Amino acid sequence: MADDKAFLEYVVTSLVDNPSDVKIDRTVDEMGVLITMTVNPADMGKIIGRQGNTAKAIRTLLRVIGMKNNARVNLKINEPEGGRVEHAPVMSASEASKSVDAALDDLKGI
């Protein structure tokens, strides 16, 4: 097993609640090394971290290991099915005030 893959496996399995669900694939091509990782959907937050800081730190450390071995190392974290939540559109101020007025009118009618 390559140093970068072994390192990533050690770090990620230490962070997650479901280490048996961690899957890591390593491919090498003319662009360098691509490590693809899949984790349990419940553990995505632990791997990404606040504002992506944990994922950035892991990527930085993998690049350092890559430099030591004269290779360019990239990490791709596979998103679980239904991973992204689409948020409802935000109301404009005028729409919000209209809906508040309508709610007040409804309350007056009670």
Protein backbone atom coordinates (compact mmCIF):
# COMPACT_ATOMS: atom_id res chain seq x y z
CA MET A 1 0.00 0.00 0.00
CA ALA A 2 1.34 3.44 -0.89
CA ASP A 3 2.32 5.86 1.87
CA ASP A 4 -0.36 8.37 0.87
CA LYS A 5 -3.17 5.79 0.86
CA ALA A 6 -2.04 4.26 4.16
CA PHE A 7 -1.84 7.73 5.75
CA LEU A 8 -5.29 8.70 4.51
CA GLU A 9 -6.82 5.44 5.71
CA TYR A 10 -5.29 5.90 9.16
CA VAL A 11 -6.49 9.50 9.53
CA VAL A 12 -9.99 8.97 8.16
CA THR A 13 -10.74 5.76 10.07
CA SER A 14 -9.63 7.57 13.24
CA LEU A 15 -12.07 10.44 12.60
CA VAL A 16 -15.26 8.60 11.62
CA ASP A 17 -17.82 6.62 13.61
CA ASN A 18 -18.10 3.94 10.89
CA PRO A 19 -14.52 3.03 9.94
CA SER A 20 -15.60 -0.17 8.18
CA ASP A 21 -17.52 1.96 5.64
CA VAL A 22 -14.40 3.86 4.51
CA LYS A 23 -13.42 2.96 0.94
CA ILE A 24 -10.25 4.37 -0.59
CA ASP A 25 -9.15 3.88 -4.21
CA ARG A 26 -5.82 5.08 -5.59
CA THR A 27 -5.12 5.59 -9.30
CA VAL A 28 -2.01 6.93 -11.00
CA ASP A 29 -1.99 8.61 -14.41
CA GLU A 30 -0.06 11.29 -16.27
CA MET A 31 -1.62 13.98 -14.04
CA GLY A 32 -0.38 12.34 -10.82
CA VAL A 33 -2.08 10.37 -8.08
CA LEU A 34 -5.84 10.54 -7.55
CA ILE A 35 -7.17 9.16 -4.31
CA THR A 36 -10.92 8.69 -4.25
CA MET A 37 -12.59 8.25 -0.88
CA THR A 38 -16.09 7.21 0.10
CA VAL A 39 -17.37 7.30 3.68
CA ASN A 40 -20.66 6.61 5.40
CA PRO A 41 -23.05 9.54 4.76
CA ALA A 42 -23.39 10.04 8.53
CA ASP A 43 -19.63 10.69 8.71
CA MET A 44 -19.40 13.28 5.91
CA GLY A 45 -19.53 16.19 8.34
CA LYS A 46 -16.59 14.83 10.30
CA ILE A 47 -14.49 14.50 7.15
CA ILE A 48 -15.44 17.86 5.64
CA GLY A 49 -15.33 19.85 8.88
CA ARG A 50 -16.51 23.38 9.49
CA GLN A 51 -16.28 25.35 6.24
CA GLY A 52 -14.31 22.45 4.77
CA ASN A 53 -11.32 22.97 7.06
CA THR A 54 -10.77 19.29 7.90
CA ALA A 55 -10.89 18.26 4.23
CA LYS A 56 -8.47 21.11 3.35
CA ALA A 57 -6.05 19.98 6.06
CA ILE A 58 -6.17 16.35 4.88
CA ARG A 59 -5.54 17.48 1.29
CA THR A 60 -2.61 19.64 2.38
CA LEU A 61 -1.00 16.76 4.28
CA LEU A 62 -1.50 14.43 1.29
CA ARG A 63 0.24 16.97 -0.96
CA VAL A 64 3.18 17.10 1.46
CA ILE A 65 3.45 13.31 1.34
CA GLY A 66 3.23 13.53 -2.45
CA MET A 67 6.05 16.09 -2.61
CA LYS A 68 8.21 13.77 -0.52
CA ASN A 69 7.61 11.07 -3.13
CA ASN A 70 7.83 13.43 -6.15
CA ALA A 71 4.15 12.93 -7.00
CA ARG A 72 1.16 15.23 -7.27
CA VAL A 73 -1.56 13.85 -4.99
CA ASN A 74 -5.21 14.90 -5.25
CA LEU A 75 -8.09 13.78 -3.06
CA LYS A 76 -11.66 13.39 -4.27
CA ILE A 77 -14.32 12.82 -1.61
CA ASN A 78 -17.34 11.09 -3.12
CA GLU A 79 -20.63 12.67 -2.18
CA PRO A 80 -23.26 10.24 -0.86
CA GLU A 81 -26.58 9.84 -2.66
CA GLY A 82 -28.81 12.77 -1.73
CA GLY A 83 -25.85 14.41 -0.04
CA ARG A 84 -26.58 17.98 -1.01
CA VAL A 85 -29.67 19.57 0.43
CA GLU A 86 -31.33 22.12 -1.77
CA HIS A 87 -32.54 24.98 0.36
CA ALA A 88 -35.77 26.82 -0.27
CA PRO A 89 -35.28 30.18 -1.97
CA VAL A 90 -34.95 33.12 0.39
CA MET A 91 -37.84 35.60 0.42
CA SER A 92 -37.22 39.21 -0.43
CA ALA A 93 -37.99 41.80 2.23
CA SER A 94 -41.20 42.88 0.46
CA GLU A 95 -42.41 39.27 0.17
CA ALA A 96 -41.66 38.69 3.84
CA SER A 97 -43.57 41.80 4.94
CA LYS A 98 -46.54 40.79 2.77
CA SER A 99 -46.62 37.33 4.35
CA VAL A 100 -46.37 38.87 7.85
CA ASP A 101 -49.26 41.22 7.02
CA ALA A 102 -51.30 38.29 5.73
CA ALA A 103 -50.58 36.31 8.91
CA LEU A 104 -51.65 39.28 11.07
CA ASP A 105 -54.86 39.63 9.05
CA ASP A 106 -55.55 35.93 9.62
CA LEU A 107 -55.02 36.35 13.36
CA LYS A 108 -57.40 39.33 13.48
CA GLY A 109 -60.09 37.17 11.93
CA ILE A 110 -59.93 34.62 14.77
